């Protein structure tokens, strides 16, 4: 079964459990039958979880084989980034831009990076070829299952060069994907 079919089945099981839970039953015989149905649904849920796990490992193996041919190191990514025409000059301009004390629009408008001391006591980023990076992480629920609550999440760990202007910083081609957290 496809991921969509597994998710549809999971949704159907969940809706049935919610429907059964929402009905108030005072008769013991009917309550026992409802418990039996809920137990059957829970057994199906366990089977479904096993199927999803098997499918996840199958897809993970396929992704691992695919990604081995396309992985790159941060060193190569950054070399490609600064070798693009005009990018190194743009990043060096960020170092010398004046900031307005009234309005902060970027991390470089603050004092911390501008005055970060280097080994010689001078501002570290005042010299050419000094770059600052931000390591970020974001997670999301790939199944969009709001009714069931958050049971699964996928996270992306990525790196951006803070020397790029904000309008360029988060473009796909300027972001380095460090890893994916299942």
C-alpha atoms as a PDB file:
ATOM      1  CA  UNK A   1       0.000   0.000   0.000  1.00  0.00           C
ATOM      2  CA  UNK A   2       1.063   3.571  -0.662  1.00  0.00           C
ATOM      3  CA  UNK A   3       1.665   6.175   2.037  1.00  0.00           C
ATOM      4  CA  UNK A   4      -1.626   7.845   1.144  1.00  0.00           C
ATOM      5  CA  UNK A   5      -3.532   4.567   1.522  1.00  0.00           C
ATOM      6  CA  UNK A   6      -1.907   3.905   4.894  1.00  0.00           C
ATOM      7  CA  UNK A   7      -2.826   7.395   6.053  1.00  0.00           C
ATOM      8  CA  UNK A   8      -6.411   7.041   4.843  1.00  0.00           C
ATOM      9  CA  UNK A   9      -6.740   3.759   6.711  1.00  0.00           C
ATOM     10  CA  UNK A  10      -5.223   5.292   9.836  1.00  0.00           C
ATOM     11  CA  UNK A  11      -7.670   8.187   9.592  1.00  0.00           C
ATOM     12  CA  UNK A  12     -10.593   5.779   9.147  1.00  0.00           C
ATOM     13  CA  UNK A  13      -9.544   3.780  12.228  1.00  0.00           C
ATOM     14  CA  UNK A  14      -9.156   6.935  14.275  1.00  0.00           C
ATOM     15  CA  UNK A  15     -12.569   8.255  13.247  1.00  0.00           C
ATOM     16  CA  UNK A  16     -14.199   4.960  14.237  1.00  0.00           C
ATOM     17  CA  UNK A  17     -12.566   5.015  17.665  1.00  0.00           C
ATOM     18  CA  UNK A  18     -13.649   8.625  18.177  1.00  0.00           C
ATOM     19  CA  UNK A  19     -17.212   7.787  17.125  1.00  0.00           C
ATOM     20  CA  UNK A  20     -17.348   4.828  19.500  1.00  0.00           C
ATOM     21  CA  UNK A  21     -15.934   6.888  22.351  1.00  0.00           C
ATOM     22  CA  UNK A  22     -18.458   9.661  21.815  1.00  0.00           C
ATOM     23  CA  UNK A  23     -21.492   7.385  22.263  1.00  0.00           C
ATOM     24  CA  UNK A  24     -22.718   6.950  25.835  1.00  0.00           C
ATOM     25  CA  UNK A  25     -23.884   3.393  26.461  1.00  0.00           C
ATOM     26  CA  UNK A  26     -25.562   2.225  29.644  1.00  0.00           C
ATOM     27  CA  UNK A  27     -26.358  -1.349  28.554  1.00  0.00           C
ATOM     28  CA  UNK A  28     -23.629  -3.820  29.636  1.00  0.00           C
ATOM     29  CA  UNK A  29     -24.073  -6.088  26.598  1.00  0.00           C
ATOM     30  CA  UNK A  30     -23.658  -3.216  24.162  1.00  0.00           C
ATOM     31  CA  UNK A  31     -20.741  -1.851  26.203  1.00  0.00           C
ATOM     32  CA  UNK A  32     -19.005  -5.259  25.962  1.00  0.00           C
ATOM     33  CA  UNK A  33     -19.567  -5.363  22.187  1.00  0.00           C
ATOM     34  CA  UNK A  34     -18.216  -1.826  21.869  1.00  0.00           C
ATOM     35  CA  UNK A  35     -15.122  -2.853  23.841  1.00  0.00           C
ATOM     36  CA  UNK A  36     -14.665  -5.821  21.506  1.00  0.00           C
ATOM     37  CA  UNK A  37     -14.863  -3.523  18.457  1.00  0.00           C
ATOM     38  CA  UNK A  38     -12.402  -1.073  20.031  1.00  0.00           C
ATOM     39  CA  UNK A  39     -10.014  -3.968  20.779  1.00  0.00           C
ATOM     40  CA  UNK A  40     -10.269  -5.095  17.140  1.00  0.00           C
ATOM     41  CA  UNK A  41      -9.529  -1.559  15.965  1.00  0.00           C
ATOM     42  CA  UNK A  42      -6.516  -1.397  18.297  1.00  0.00           C
ATOM     43  CA  UNK A  43      -5.210  -4.673  16.824  1.00  0.00           C
ATOM     44  CA  UNK A  44      -5.655  -3.209  13.337  1.00  0.00           C
ATOM     45  CA  UNK A  45      -3.872  -0.058  14.498  1.00  0.00           C
ATOM     46  CA  UNK A  46      -0.910  -2.175  15.647  1.00  0.00           C
ATOM     47  CA  UNK A  47      -0.814  -3.952  12.276  1.00  0.00           C
ATOM     48  CA  UNK A  48      -0.993  -0.585  10.544  1.00  0.00           C
ATOM     49  CA  UNK A  49       1.891   0.775  12.637  1.00  0.00           C
ATOM     50  CA  UNK A  50       3.973  -2.256  11.651  1.00  0.00           C
ATOM     51  CA  UNK A  51       3.112  -1.731   7.984  1.00  0.00           C
ATOM     52  CA  UNK A  52       4.011   1.963   8.227  1.00  0.00           C
ATOM     53  CA  UNK A  53       7.305   1.148   9.921  1.00  0.00           C
ATOM     54  CA  UNK A  54       8.157  -1.432   7.255  1.00  0.00           C
ATOM     55  CA  UNK A  55       7.306   1.066   4.515  1.00  0.00           C
ATOM     56  CA  UNK A  56       9.317   3.795   6.259  1.00  0.00           C
ATOM     57  CA  UNK A  57      12.416   1.563   6.400  1.00  0.00           C
ATOM     58  CA  UNK A  58      11.943   0.604   2.749  1.00  0.00           C
ATOM     59  CA  UNK A  59      11.742   4.262   1.740  1.00  0.00           C
ATOM     60  CA  UNK A  60      14.642   5.175   4.033  1.00  0.00           C
ATOM     61  CA  UNK A  61      16.819   2.545   2.367  1.00  0.00           C
ATOM     62  CA  UNK A  62      15.864   3.865  -1.072  1.00  0.00           C
ATOM     63  CA  UNK A  63      16.606   7.441   0.004  1.00  0.00           C
ATOM     64  CA  UNK A  64      19.961   6.426   1.456  1.00  0.00           C
ATOM     65  CA  UNK A  65      20.960   4.797  -1.806  1.00  0.00           C
ATOM     66  CA  UNK A  66      19.814   7.863  -3.777  1.00  0.00           C
ATOM     67  CA  UNK A  67      21.449  10.373  -1.460  1.00  0.00           C
ATOM     68  CA  UNK A  68      24.854   8.706  -1.521  1.00  0.00           C
ATOM     69  CA  UNK A  69      25.326   9.949  -5.054  1.00  0.00           C
ATOM     70  CA  UNK A  70      24.259  13.511  -4.278  1.00  0.00           C
ATOM     71  CA  UNK A  71      25.811  14.316  -0.900  1.00  0.00           C
ATOM     72  CA  UNK A  72      28.221  17.186  -0.597  1.00  0.00           C
ATOM     73  CA  UNK A  73      30.334  18.536   2.210  1.00  0.00           C
ATOM     74  CA  UNK A  74      29.953  21.964   3.742  1.00  0.00           C
ATOM     75  CA  UNK A  75      33.381  22.849   2.379  1.00  0.00           C
ATOM     76  CA  UNK A  76      32.284  22.127  -1.202  1.00  0.00           C
ATOM     77  CA  UNK A  77      28.922  23.854  -0.712  1.00  0.00           C
ATOM     78  CA  UNK A  78      30.577  27.002   0.612  1.00  0.00           C
ATOM     79  CA  UNK A  79      33.208  26.962  -2.131  1.00  0.00           C
ATOM     80  CA  UNK A  80      30.438  26.799  -4.735  1.00  0.00           C
ATOM     81  CA  UNK A  81      28.559  29.588  -2.956  1.00  0.00           C
ATOM     82  CA  UNK A  82      31.405  32.095  -2.893  1.00  0.00           C
ATOM     83  CA  UNK A  83      32.518  31.178  -6.422  1.00  0.00           C
ATOM     84  CA  UNK A  84      29.232  32.354  -7.891  1.00  0.00           C
ATOM     85  CA  UNK A  85      29.688  35.672  -9.688  1.00  0.00           C
ATOM     86  CA  UNK A  86      29.295  38.612  -7.319  1.00  0.00           C
ATOM     87  CA  UNK A  87      28.476  36.602  -4.187  1.00  0.00           C
ATOM     88  CA  UNK A  88      31.802  37.084  -2.416  1.00  0.00           C
ATOM     89  CA  UNK A  89      31.622  40.837  -3.014  1.00  0.00           C
ATOM     90  CA  UNK A  90      28.065  40.949  -1.669  1.00  0.00           C
ATOM     91  CA  UNK A  91      29.148  39.092   1.474  1.00  0.00           C
ATOM     92  CA  UNK A  92      32.130  41.381   1.989  1.00  0.00           C
ATOM     93  CA  UNK A  93      29.873  44.459   1.659  1.00  0.00           C
ATOM     94  CA  UNK A  94      27.787  43.221   4.584  1.00  0.00           C
ATOM     95  CA  UNK A  95      30.857  43.551   6.779  1.00  0.00           C
ATOM     96  CA  UNK A  96      31.236  47.264   6.078  1.00  0.00           C
ATOM     97  CA  UNK A  97      27.593  48.345   5.998  1.00  0.00           C
ATOM     98  CA  UNK A  98      26.501  51.015   8.417  1.00  0.00           C
ATOM     99  CA  UNK A  99      23.753  50.086  10.831  1.00  0.00           C
ATOM    100  CA  UNK A 100      21.014  52.306  12.114  1.00  0.00           C
ATOM    101  CA  UNK A 101      20.715  52.328  15.914  1.00  0.00           C
ATOM    102  CA  UNK A 102      17.008  53.210  15.648  1.00  0.00           C
ATOM    103  CA  UNK A 103      15.967  50.228  13.560  1.00  0.00           C
ATOM    104  CA  UNK A 104      17.430  46.735  13.545  1.00  0.00           C
ATOM    105  CA  UNK A 105      16.577  44.727  10.437  1.00  0.00           C
ATOM    106  CA  UNK A 106      19.356  42.159  10.413  1.00  0.00           C
ATOM    107  CA  UNK A 107      21.686  40.369  12.810  1.00  0.00           C
ATOM    108  CA  UNK A 108      24.518  42.619  11.598  1.00  0.00           C
ATOM    109  CA  UNK A 109      22.643  45.679  12.881  1.00  0.00           C
ATOM    110  CA  UNK A 110      23.368  44.523  16.422  1.00  0.00           C
ATOM    111  CA  UNK A 111      26.591  45.033  18.299  1.00  0.00           C
ATOM    112  CA  UNK A 112      27.496  41.415  19.074  1.00  0.00           C
ATOM    113  CA  UNK A 113      28.673  40.301  15.628  1.00  0.00           C
ATOM    114  CA  UNK A 114      30.009  43.704  14.633  1.00  0.00           C
ATOM    115  CA  UNK A 115      32.211  43.919  17.730  1.00  0.00           C
ATOM    116  CA  UNK A 116      32.939  40.220  18.253  1.00  0.00           C
ATOM    117  CA  UNK A 117      36.598  40.236  19.324  1.00  0.00           C
ATOM    118  CA  UNK A 118      39.177  38.352  17.311  1.00  0.00           C
ATOM    119  CA  UNK A 119      42.408  36.875  18.680  1.00  0.00           C
ATOM    120  CA  UNK A 120      44.215  40.198  18.183  1.00  0.00           C
ATOM    121  CA  UNK A 121      41.513  42.204  19.983  1.00  0.00           C
ATOM    122  CA  UNK A 122      40.192  43.748  16.760  1.00  0.00           C
ATOM    123  CA  UNK A 123      36.645  42.948  15.597  1.00  0.00           C
ATOM    124  CA  UNK A 124      36.814  39.424  14.161  1.00  0.00           C
ATOM    125  CA  UNK A 125      34.453  40.016  11.242  1.00  0.00           C
ATOM    126  CA  UNK A 126      36.097  43.300  10.178  1.00  0.00           C
ATOM    127  CA  UNK A 127      38.658  41.382   8.143  1.00  0.00           C
ATOM    128  CA  UNK A 128      38.029  40.022   4.677  1.00  0.00           C
ATOM    129  CA  UNK A 129      37.179  36.332   4.432  1.00  0.00           C
ATOM    130  CA  UNK A 130      35.488  36.024   7.832  1.00  0.00           C
ATOM    131  CA  UNK A 131      32.044  34.464   7.665  1.00  0.00           C
ATOM    132  CA  UNK A 132      29.312  33.891  10.229  1.00  0.00           C
ATOM    133  CA  UNK A 133      26.854  31.010   9.988  1.00  0.00           C
ATOM    134  CA  UNK A 134      23.563  30.162  11.599  1.00  0.00           C
ATOM    135  CA  UNK A 135      22.660  26.542  12.312  1.00  0.00           C
ATOM    136  CA  UNK A 136      18.892  26.106  12.243  1.00  0.00           C
ATOM    137  CA  UNK A 137      16.461  23.270  12.845  1.00  0.00           C
ATOM    138  CA  UNK A 138      12.820  22.990  11.923  1.00  0.00           C
ATOM    139  CA  UNK A 139      10.418  20.079  12.393  1.00  0.00           C
ATOM    140  CA  UNK A 140       7.026  19.288  10.922  1.00  0.00           C
ATOM    141  CA  UNK A 141       4.449  16.509  10.908  1.00  0.00           C
ATOM    142  CA  UNK A 142       4.652  14.961   7.421  1.00  0.00           C
ATOM    143  CA  UNK A 143       1.241  13.329   7.721  1.00  0.00           C
ATOM    144  CA  UNK A 144      -0.704  16.469   8.673  1.00  0.00           C
ATOM    145  CA  UNK A 145      -2.634  14.418  11.248  1.00  0.00           C
ATOM    146  CA  UNK A 146      -4.190  17.049  13.448  1.00  0.00           C
ATOM    147  CA  UNK A 147      -6.870  14.751  14.925  1.00  0.00           C
ATOM    148  CA  UNK A 148      -4.407  12.136  16.088  1.00  0.00           C
ATOM    149  CA  UNK A 149      -2.014  14.622  17.608  1.00  0.00           C
ATOM    150  CA  UNK A 150       1.643  14.841  16.796  1.00  0.00           C
ATOM    151  CA  UNK A 151       2.943  11.285  16.587  1.00  0.00           C
ATOM    152  CA  UNK A 152       5.521  11.654  13.853  1.00  0.00           C
ATOM    153  CA  UNK A 153       7.837  14.493  12.985  1.00  0.00           C
ATOM    154  CA  UNK A 154      10.589  15.089  10.485  1.00  0.00           C
ATOM    155  CA  UNK A 155      13.246  17.667  11.120  1.00  0.00           C
ATOM    156  CA  UNK A 156      15.661  19.486   8.871  1.00  0.00           C
ATOM    157  CA  UNK A 157      18.958  20.838  10.139  1.00  0.00           C
ATOM    158  CA  UNK A 158      20.348  23.491   7.848  1.00  0.00           C
ATOM    159  CA  UNK A 159      23.072  26.086   7.726  1.00  0.00           C
ATOM    160  CA  UNK A 160      22.925  29.604   6.307  1.00  0.00           C
ATOM    161  CA  UNK A 161      25.667  32.159   5.838  1.00  0.00           C
ATOM    162  CA  UNK A 162      24.791  35.306   7.767  1.00  0.00           C
ATOM    163  CA  UNK A 163      27.083  37.377   5.551  1.00  0.00           C
ATOM    164  CA  UNK A 164      24.476  37.139   2.800  1.00  0.00           C
ATOM    165  CA  UNK A 165      21.797  39.835   2.830  1.00  0.00           C
ATOM    166  CA  UNK A 166      18.480  38.670   4.336  1.00  0.00           C
ATOM    167  CA  UNK A 167      16.765  38.591   0.940  1.00  0.00           C
ATOM    168  CA  UNK A 168      19.371  36.085  -0.335  1.00  0.00           C
ATOM    169  CA  UNK A 169      20.166  34.197   2.853  1.00  0.00           C
ATOM    170  CA  UNK A 170      17.346  31.644   2.815  1.00  0.00           C
ATOM    171  CA  UNK A 171      17.095  30.985  -0.905  1.00  0.00           C
ATOM    172  CA  UNK A 172      17.248  27.288  -1.660  1.00  0.00           C
ATOM    173  CA  UNK A 173      20.574  27.540  -3.483  1.00  0.00           C
ATOM    174  CA  UNK A 174      22.160  29.374  -0.524  1.00  0.00           C
ATOM    175  CA  UNK A 175      21.141  26.915   2.205  1.00  0.00           C
ATOM    176  CA  UNK A 176      23.206  23.876   3.189  1.00  0.00           C
ATOM    177  CA  UNK A 177      21.173  20.892   4.368  1.00  0.00           C
ATOM    178  CA  UNK A 178      23.203  19.458   7.238  1.00  0.00           C
ATOM    179  CA  UNK A 179      20.873  16.579   8.018  1.00  0.00           C
ATOM    180  CA  UNK A 180      17.384  15.202   8.315  1.00  0.00           C
ATOM    181  CA  UNK A 181      16.023  13.917  11.611  1.00  0.00           C
ATOM    182  CA  UNK A 182      13.312  11.255  11.241  1.00  0.00           C
END
